[in-house]
Amino acid sequence: MYNDQKTPKIKLEVEIVLNSGNRFIGFIFTTPQGRVSDLFNDERHFLPIELSDGRTMMVRKSAIEQAAPLAEGQPATKAQDPYDLLDIPTDIDHKSLRHHYLSIIKECHPDRLQSHGLPTPIVKFANRYSARVNDAYRRICRERGWSESGDGS
């Protein structure tokens, strides 16, 4: 007999690192007893990932180098407001946003912190924080139709 009940899913916030080196924050869905690794070992070639702005994209599993849950075993909360995360006013202009974004990334970039010999947990935290900052910057640029490169378009 056909069972039309859906399996309950939980939404996990993860940082995805692609083979290209690009990083982004997204949400994946798994069963309450499931693990992130189970999603990468099933028969599907693509994985649906919900972005923080609500869009969903399909990512080829072979293009993913790393996927790390941001809150291990905890359901994700609503994505943080990008303006709050970057501590900027909502009426900021493109040039000021780009300058502020670059100054934050320069201060917290994991490669920079690792070169100072900081402990691994701090570098891992910096990785997660950098991914959140990148995500917030991209969300604001997309929302306003601005280029992420800072060329003013």
N, C-alpha and C. Protein backbone atom coordinates (compact mmCIF):
# COMPACT_ATOMS: atom_id res chain seq x y z
N MET A 1 0.84 -1.18 0.00
CA MET A 1 0.00 0.00 0.00
C MET A 1 0.88 1.24 0.00
N TYR A 2 0.41 2.28 -0.67
CA TYR A 2 1.16 3.52 -0.80
C TYR A 2 1.08 4.32 0.49
N ASN A 3 2.22 4.79 0.95
CA ASN A 3 2.28 5.61 2.16
C ASN A 3 2.56 7.05 1.73
N ASP A 4 1.58 7.95 1.88
CA ASP A 4 1.75 9.32 1.41
C ASP A 4 2.25 10.27 2.50
N GLN A 5 2.67 9.73 3.65
CA GLN A 5 3.20 10.58 4.70
C GLN A 5 4.65 10.93 4.37
N LYS A 6 4.97 12.20 4.52
CA LYS A 6 6.34 12.64 4.28
C LYS A 6 7.19 12.36 5.51
N THR A 7 8.45 12.05 5.27
CA THR A 7 9.38 11.86 6.38
C THR A 7 9.73 13.24 6.93
N PRO A 8 9.64 13.43 8.25
CA PRO A 8 9.98 14.74 8.80
C PRO A 8 11.45 15.06 8.54
N LYS A 9 11.73 16.34 8.28
CA LYS A 9 13.09 16.78 8.01
C LYS A 9 13.47 17.90 8.96
N ILE A 10 14.74 18.00 9.22
CA ILE A 10 15.25 19.15 9.97
C ILE A 10 16.15 19.94 9.03
N LYS A 11 16.22 21.23 9.29
CA LYS A 11 16.98 22.16 8.46
C LYS A 11 18.29 22.46 9.20
N LEU A 12 19.41 22.16 8.54
CA LEU A 12 20.72 22.39 9.14
C LEU A 12 21.46 23.48 8.37
N GLU A 13 22.04 24.41 9.10
CA GLU A 13 22.85 25.45 8.47
C GLU A 13 24.26 24.91 8.31
N VAL A 14 24.80 25.00 7.09
CA VAL A 14 26.13 24.48 6.80
C VAL A 14 26.95 25.50 6.03
N GLU A 15 28.25 25.39 6.20
CA GLU A 15 29.17 26.13 5.35
C GLU A 15 29.64 25.16 4.29
N ILE A 16 29.48 25.54 3.03
CA ILE A 16 29.87 24.71 1.89
C ILE A 16 31.13 25.30 1.28
N VAL A 17 32.13 24.45 1.04
CA VAL A 17 33.34 24.86 0.34
C VAL A 17 33.39 24.05 -0.94
N LEU A 18 33.42 24.74 -2.08
CA LEU A 18 33.47 24.07 -3.37
C LEU A 18 34.91 23.80 -3.79
N ASN A 19 35.09 22.89 -4.73
CA ASN A 19 36.42 22.59 -5.25
C ASN A 19 37.10 23.83 -5.81
N SER A 20 36.31 24.79 -6.28
CA SER A 20 36.85 26.03 -6.84
C SER A 20 37.40 26.96 -5.76
N GLY A 21 37.12 26.65 -4.48
CA GLY A 21 37.56 27.50 -3.38
C GLY A 21 36.47 28.44 -2.89
N ASN A 22 35.37 28.57 -3.63
CA ASN A 22 34.26 29.42 -3.20
C ASN A 22 33.61 28.83 -1.96
N ARG A 23 33.17 29.71 -1.08
CA ARG A 23 32.50 29.31 0.16
C ARG A 23 31.15 30.01 0.23
N PHE A 24 30.18 29.34 0.81
CA PHE A 24 28.91 30.00 1.07
C PHE A 24 28.19 29.26 2.19
N ILE A 25 27.21 29.96 2.75
CA ILE A 25 26.39 29.40 3.82
C ILE A 25 25.06 28.99 3.20
N GLY A 26 24.56 27.85 3.59
CA GLY A 26 23.28 27.38 3.09
C GLY A 26 22.64 26.45 4.08
N PHE A 27 21.47 25.97 3.72
CA PHE A 27 20.72 25.05 4.57
C PHE A 27 20.49 23.76 3.80
N ILE A 28 20.71 22.65 4.47
CA ILE A 28 20.40 21.34 3.90
C ILE A 28 19.37 20.68 4.80
N PHE A 29 18.69 19.70 4.26
CA PHE A 29 17.61 19.05 5.00
C PHE A 29 17.92 17.57 5.16
N THR A 30 17.76 17.09 6.37
CA THR A 30 18.00 15.68 6.67
C THR A 30 16.95 15.21 7.67
N THR A 31 16.88 13.91 7.85
CA THR A 31 15.95 13.37 8.84
C THR A 31 16.50 13.66 10.23
N PRO A 32 15.65 13.67 11.24
CA PRO A 32 16.12 13.97 12.60
C PRO A 32 17.26 13.05 13.06
N GLN A 33 17.24 11.80 12.64
CA GLN A 33 18.30 10.88 13.04
C GLN A 33 19.42 10.80 12.01
N GLY A 34 19.27 11.53 10.90
CA GLY A 34 20.26 11.49 9.83
C GLY A 34 21.49 12.33 10.13
N ARG A 35 22.53 12.10 9.33
CA ARG A 35 23.76 12.86 9.46
C ARG A 35 24.04 13.54 8.12
N VAL A 36 24.83 14.60 8.18
CA VAL A 36 25.21 15.31 6.95
C VAL A 36 25.91 14.34 6.01
N SER A 37 26.76 13.48 6.54
CA SER A 37 27.50 12.54 5.70
C SER A 37 26.55 11.60 4.94
N ASP A 38 25.39 11.29 5.52
CA ASP A 38 24.42 10.43 4.83
C ASP A 38 23.95 11.07 3.52
N LEU A 39 23.80 12.39 3.53
CA LEU A 39 23.35 13.09 2.32
C LEU A 39 24.37 12.97 1.19
N PHE A 40 25.63 12.92 1.55
CA PHE A 40 26.68 12.84 0.53
C PHE A 40 26.95 11.42 0.06
N ASN A 41 26.39 10.45 0.75
CA ASN A 41 26.62 9.06 0.38
C ASN A 41 25.40 8.38 -0.21
N ASP A 42 24.34 9.13 -0.47
CA ASP A 42 23.19 8.50 -1.11
C ASP A 42 23.38 8.49 -2.62
N GLU A 43 22.40 8.00 -3.36
CA GLU A 43 22.54 7.77 -4.80
C GLU A 43 22.38 9.03 -5.66
N ARG A 44 21.95 10.13 -5.08
CA ARG A 44 21.75 11.36 -5.86
C ARG A 44 23.09 11.97 -6.27
N HIS A 45 23.10 12.61 -7.45
CA HIS A 45 24.29 13.30 -7.92
C HIS A 45 24.29 14.77 -7.52
N PHE A 46 23.10 15.31 -7.24
CA PHE A 46 22.97 16.71 -6.87
C PHE A 46 22.34 16.82 -5.49
N LEU A 47 22.66 17.90 -4.79
CA LEU A 47 22.13 18.13 -3.46
C LEU A 47 21.41 19.49 -3.45
N PRO A 48 20.14 19.53 -3.04
CA PRO A 48 19.46 20.83 -2.96
C PRO A 48 19.96 21.59 -1.73
N ILE A 49 20.31 22.84 -1.94
CA ILE A 49 20.79 23.69 -0.86
C ILE A 49 19.98 24.99 -0.89
N GLU A 50 19.37 25.30 0.24
CA GLU A 50 18.61 26.55 0.35
C GLU A 50 19.57 27.64 0.79
N LEU A 51 19.58 28.73 0.05
CA LEU A 51 20.44 29.87 0.38
C LEU A 51 19.75 30.74 1.42
N SER A 52 20.51 31.60 2.05
CA SER A 52 19.96 32.42 3.12
C SER A 52 18.90 33.39 2.65
N ASP A 53 18.86 33.68 1.34
CA ASP A 53 17.83 34.58 0.82
C ASP A 53 16.57 33.83 0.40
N GLY A 54 16.52 32.52 0.66
CA GLY A 54 15.33 31.72 0.36
C GLY A 54 15.38 30.97 -0.95
N ARG A 55 16.31 31.32 -1.83
CA ARG A 55 16.44 30.59 -3.10
C ARG A 55 17.03 29.21 -2.84
N THR A 56 16.71 28.27 -3.71
CA THR A 56 17.28 26.93 -3.61
C THR A 56 18.09 26.67 -4.86
N MET A 57 19.28 26.10 -4.67
CA MET A 57 20.09 25.74 -5.82
C MET A 57 20.50 24.28 -5.68
N MET A 58 20.72 23.67 -6.82
CA MET A 58 21.18 22.28 -6.86
C MET A 58 22.68 22.30 -7.08
N VAL A 59 23.42 21.63 -6.23
CA VAL A 59 24.88 21.60 -6.33
C VAL A 59 25.31 20.16 -6.58
N ARG A 60 26.16 19.99 -7.58
CA ARG A 60 26.70 18.66 -7.87
C ARG A 60 27.58 18.24 -6.70
N LYS A 61 27.32 17.07 -6.16
CA LYS A 61 28.06 16.60 -5.00
C LYS A 61 29.55 16.54 -5.26
N SER A 62 29.94 16.18 -6.47
CA SER A 62 31.38 16.07 -6.78
C SER A 62 32.07 17.43 -6.78
N ALA A 63 31.30 18.54 -6.81
CA ALA A 63 31.89 19.88 -6.77
C ALA A 63 32.11 20.37 -5.34
N ILE A 64 31.61 19.63 -4.36
CA ILE A 64 31.72 20.04 -2.96
C ILE A 64 32.96 19.40 -2.34
N GLU A 65 33.82 20.26 -1.83
CA GLU A 65 35.03 19.79 -1.16
C GLU A 65 34.77 19.55 0.32
N GLN A 66 33.95 20.43 0.92
CA GLN A 66 33.70 20.34 2.35
C GLN A 66 32.33 20.90 2.67
N ALA A 67 31.65 20.29 3.62
CA ALA A 67 30.39 20.80 4.14
C ALA A 67 30.44 20.64 5.66
N ALA A 68 30.40 21.75 6.36
CA ALA A 68 30.51 21.71 7.81
C ALA A 68 29.29 22.34 8.46
N PRO A 69 28.59 21.58 9.31
CA PRO A 69 27.46 22.17 10.03
C PRO A 69 27.94 23.32 10.91
N LEU A 70 27.19 24.41 10.93
CA LEU A 70 27.58 25.56 11.74
C LEU A 70 27.13 25.40 13.18
N ALA A 71 26.07 24.66 13.39
CA ALA A 71 25.58 24.40 14.74
C ALA A 71 25.34 22.91 14.83
N GLU A 72 26.38 22.16 15.14
CA GLU A 72 26.34 20.71 15.12
C GLU A 72 25.09 20.17 15.81
N GLY A 73 24.28 19.45 15.06
CA GLY A 73 23.11 18.78 15.61
C GLY A 73 21.97 19.68 15.98
N GLN A 74 22.07 20.96 15.73
CA GLN A 74 21.02 21.90 16.08
C GLN A 74 20.29 22.36 14.83
N PRO A 75 18.98 22.43 14.87
CA PRO A 75 18.26 23.00 13.73
C PRO A 75 18.69 24.45 13.53
N ALA A 76 18.73 24.88 12.29
CA ALA A 76 19.16 26.24 11.97
C ALA A 76 18.09 27.24 12.38
N THR A 77 18.55 28.40 12.77
CA THR A 77 17.63 29.49 13.06
C THR A 77 17.49 30.34 11.81
N LYS A 78 16.56 31.27 11.84
CA LYS A 78 16.37 32.15 10.69
C LYS A 78 17.69 32.88 10.41
N ALA A 79 18.03 33.01 9.15
CA ALA A 79 19.28 33.67 8.77
C ALA A 79 19.35 35.05 9.37
N GLN A 80 20.49 35.40 9.92
CA GLN A 80 20.68 36.69 10.56
C GLN A 80 20.59 37.81 9.52
N ASP A 81 20.04 38.93 9.95
CA ASP A 81 19.94 40.10 9.09
C ASP A 81 21.35 40.52 8.67
N PRO A 82 21.62 40.65 7.36
CA PRO A 82 22.97 40.95 6.90
C PRO A 82 23.47 42.32 7.38
N TYR A 83 22.57 43.27 7.55
CA TYR A 83 22.97 44.60 8.02
C TYR A 83 23.41 44.53 9.48
N ASP A 84 22.72 43.72 10.29
CA ASP A 84 23.11 43.53 11.68
C ASP A 84 24.46 42.82 11.77
N LEU A 85 24.63 41.79 10.97
CA LEU A 85 25.88 41.03 11.01
C LEU A 85 27.07 41.92 10.67
N LEU A 86 26.92 42.77 9.65
CA LEU A 86 28.01 43.65 9.24
C LEU A 86 28.06 44.94 10.05
N ASP A 87 27.04 45.16 10.89
CA ASP A 87 26.95 46.35 11.74
C ASP A 87 27.02 47.62 10.89
N ILE A 88 26.10 47.69 9.91
CA ILE A 88 26.04 48.82 8.99
C ILE A 88 24.60 49.34 8.91
N PRO A 89 24.43 50.60 8.52
CA PRO A 89 23.07 51.12 8.34
C PRO A 89 22.44 50.57 7.05
N THR A 90 21.14 50.51 7.01
CA THR A 90 20.45 49.97 5.84
C THR A 90 20.53 50.89 4.63
N ASP A 91 20.91 52.15 4.82
CA ASP A 91 21.01 53.08 3.69
C ASP A 91 22.46 53.28 3.22
N ILE A 92 23.35 52.36 3.54
CA ILE A 92 24.76 52.47 3.17
C ILE A 92 24.91 52.47 1.64
N ASP A 93 25.87 53.25 1.13
CA ASP A 93 26.10 53.27 -0.31
C ASP A 93 27.06 52.13 -0.68
N HIS A 94 27.15 51.84 -1.96
CA HIS A 94 27.92 50.70 -2.45
C HIS A 94 29.40 50.80 -2.08
N LYS A 95 29.99 51.97 -2.28
CA LYS A 95 31.41 52.16 -2.00
C LYS A 95 31.71 51.94 -0.51
N SER A 96 30.87 52.48 0.36
CA SER A 96 31.07 52.33 1.81
C SER A 96 30.87 50.88 2.23
N LEU A 97 29.88 50.22 1.65
CA LEU A 97 29.65 48.81 1.96
C LEU A 97 30.88 47.99 1.58
N ARG A 98 31.39 48.18 0.38
CA ARG A 98 32.55 47.43 -0.09
C ARG A 98 33.77 47.67 0.82
N HIS A 99 34.00 48.93 1.19
CA HIS A 99 35.13 49.27 2.07
C HIS A 99 34.98 48.58 3.43
N HIS A 100 33.78 48.65 3.99
CA HIS A 100 33.52 48.03 5.31
C HIS A 100 33.70 46.52 5.23
N TYR A 101 33.14 45.91 4.20
CA TYR A 101 33.25 44.46 4.00
C TYR A 101 34.72 44.05 3.92
N LEU A 102 35.51 44.73 3.10
CA LEU A 102 36.92 44.37 2.93
C LEU A 102 37.71 44.54 4.23
N SER A 103 37.38 45.56 5.02
CA SER A 103 38.09 45.74 6.29
C SER A 103 37.77 44.61 7.28
N ILE A 104 36.52 44.14 7.29
CA ILE A 104 36.16 43.02 8.17
C ILE A 104 36.89 41.76 7.73
N ILE A 105 36.85 41.47 6.44
CA ILE A 105 37.49 40.26 5.92
C ILE A 105 38.99 40.29 6.17
N LYS A 106 39.60 41.46 6.02
CA LYS A 106 41.04 41.58 6.26
C LYS A 106 41.38 41.23 7.71
N GLU A 107 40.56 41.69 8.64
CA GLU A 107 40.81 41.45 10.06
C GLU A 107 40.62 39.99 10.47
N CYS A 108 39.63 39.32 9.88
CA CYS A 108 39.26 37.99 10.37
C CYS A 108 39.58 36.86 9.40
N HIS A 109 40.30 37.15 8.33
CA HIS A 109 40.55 36.10 7.34
C HIS A 109 41.30 34.94 7.98
N PRO A 110 40.81 33.71 7.83
CA PRO A 110 41.44 32.55 8.48
C PRO A 110 42.90 32.34 8.09
N ASP A 111 43.27 32.61 6.85
CA ASP A 111 44.67 32.44 6.44
C ASP A 111 45.58 33.39 7.21
N ARG A 112 45.10 34.60 7.40
CA ARG A 112 45.88 35.59 8.15
C ARG A 112 46.04 35.15 9.60
N LEU A 113 44.95 34.68 10.20
CA LEU A 113 45.01 34.26 11.60
C LEU A 113 45.89 33.02 11.77
N GLN A 114 45.80 32.11 10.80
CA GLN A 114 46.61 30.89 10.87
C GLN A 114 48.09 31.24 10.75
N SER A 115 48.42 32.24 9.94
CA SER A 115 49.82 32.63 9.78
C SER A 115 50.39 33.24 11.06
N HIS A 116 49.53 33.68 11.97
CA HIS A 116 49.97 34.19 13.26
C HIS A 116 50.12 33.08 14.29
N GLY A 117 49.86 31.84 13.88
CA GLY A 117 50.03 30.70 14.78
C GLY A 117 48.93 30.54 15.81
N LEU A 118 47.75 31.06 15.51
CA LEU A 118 46.64 30.92 16.46
C LEU A 118 46.13 29.48 16.50
N PRO A 119 45.53 29.07 17.60
CA PRO A 119 45.04 27.69 17.72
C PRO A 119 43.97 27.35 16.67
N THR A 120 43.89 26.09 16.33
CA THR A 120 42.96 25.59 15.31
C THR A 120 41.51 25.98 15.59
N PRO A 121 41.00 25.88 16.84
CA PRO A 121 39.60 26.27 17.06
C PRO A 121 39.32 27.73 16.69
N ILE A 122 40.27 28.61 16.91
CA ILE A 122 40.08 30.02 16.56
C ILE A 122 40.06 30.17 15.04
N VAL A 123 40.93 29.46 14.35
CA VAL A 123 40.97 29.53 12.90
C VAL A 123 39.68 28.97 12.31
N LYS A 124 39.16 27.89 12.90
CA LYS A 124 37.89 27.31 12.43
C LYS A 124 36.75 28.30 12.66
N PHE A 125 36.74 28.96 13.79
CA PHE A 125 35.72 29.97 14.05
C PHE A 125 35.83 31.09 13.02
N ALA A 126 37.05 31.52 12.73
CA ALA A 126 37.26 32.58 11.73
C ALA A 126 36.75 32.14 10.37
N ASN A 127 36.92 30.87 10.03
CA ASN A 127 36.38 30.33 8.77
C ASN A 127 34.88 30.50 8.71
N ARG A 128 34.21 30.11 9.79
CA ARG A 128 32.75 30.22 9.83
C ARG A 128 32.30 31.67 9.80
N TYR A 129 33.00 32.52 10.54
CA TYR A 129 32.64 33.93 10.58
C TYR A 129 32.86 34.57 9.22
N SER A 130 33.97 34.27 8.57
CA SER A 130 34.24 34.81 7.23
C SER A 130 33.15 34.40 6.24
N ALA A 131 32.72 33.15 6.33
CA ALA A 131 31.66 32.68 5.45
C ALA A 131 30.37 33.46 5.69
N ARG A 132 30.06 33.75 6.94
CA ARG A 132 28.86 34.53 7.26
C ARG A 132 28.97 35.96 6.74
N VAL A 133 30.16 36.55 6.89
CA VAL A 133 30.38 37.92 6.39
C VAL A 133 30.24 37.94 4.87
N ASN A 134 30.86 36.97 4.19
CA ASN A 134 30.74 36.88 2.72
C ASN A 134 29.28 36.74 2.30
N ASP A 135 28.55 35.87 3.01
CA ASP A 135 27.15 35.65 2.70
C ASP A 135 26.34 36.93 2.89
N ALA A 136 26.57 37.64 3.97
CA ALA A 136 25.84 38.88 4.24
C ALA A 136 26.13 39.92 3.15
N TYR A 137 27.38 40.06 2.77
CA TYR A 137 27.76 41.01 1.73
C TYR A 137 27.08 40.65 0.40
N ARG A 138 27.11 39.37 0.04
CA ARG A 138 26.47 38.94 -1.21
C ARG A 138 24.96 39.18 -1.18
N ARG A 139 24.34 38.92 -0.03
CA ARG A 139 22.90 39.13 0.07
C ARG A 139 22.53 40.59 -0.14
N ILE A 140 23.29 41.49 0.47
CA ILE A 140 23.01 42.92 0.31
C ILE A 140 23.22 43.34 -1.14
N CYS A 141 24.31 42.88 -1.74
CA CYS A 141 24.57 43.24 -3.15
C CYS A 141 23.47 42.72 -4.06
N ARG A 142 23.03 41.47 -3.86
CA ARG A 142 21.95 40.91 -4.69
C ARG A 142 20.65 41.69 -4.47
N GLU A 143 20.36 41.99 -3.20
CA GLU A 143 19.12 42.71 -2.86
C GLU A 143 19.06 44.06 -3.57
N ARG A 144 20.19 44.71 -3.72
CA ARG A 144 20.23 46.05 -4.31
C ARG A 144 20.64 46.05 -5.78
N GLY A 145 20.94 44.89 -6.33
CA GLY A 145 21.32 44.80 -7.73
C GLY A 145 22.72 45.34 -8.00
N TRP A 146 23.58 45.26 -6.98
CA TRP A 146 24.95 45.75 -7.11
C TRP A 146 25.88 44.61 -7.48
N SER A 147 26.98 44.96 -8.11
CA SER A 147 28.04 44.00 -8.38
C SER A 147 28.80 43.72 -7.10
N GLU A 148 29.18 42.48 -6.86
CA GLU A 148 29.97 42.13 -5.69
C GLU A 148 31.42 42.56 -5.84
N SER A 149 31.85 42.85 -7.06
CA SER A 149 33.26 43.20 -7.31
C SER A 149 33.58 44.63 -6.89
N GLY A 150 32.57 45.44 -6.61
CA GLY A 150 32.82 46.80 -6.18
C GLY A 150 33.08 47.77 -7.31
N ASP A 151 32.69 47.38 -8.54
CA ASP A 151 32.94 48.28 -9.67
C ASP A 151 31.87 49.35 -9.83
N GLY A 152 30.94 49.40 -8.86
CA GLY A 152 29.95 50.47 -8.86
C GLY A 152 28.70 50.20 -9.67
N SER A 153 28.61 49.05 -10.31
CA SER A 153 27.42 48.77 -11.14
C SER A 153 26.33 48.15 -10.31
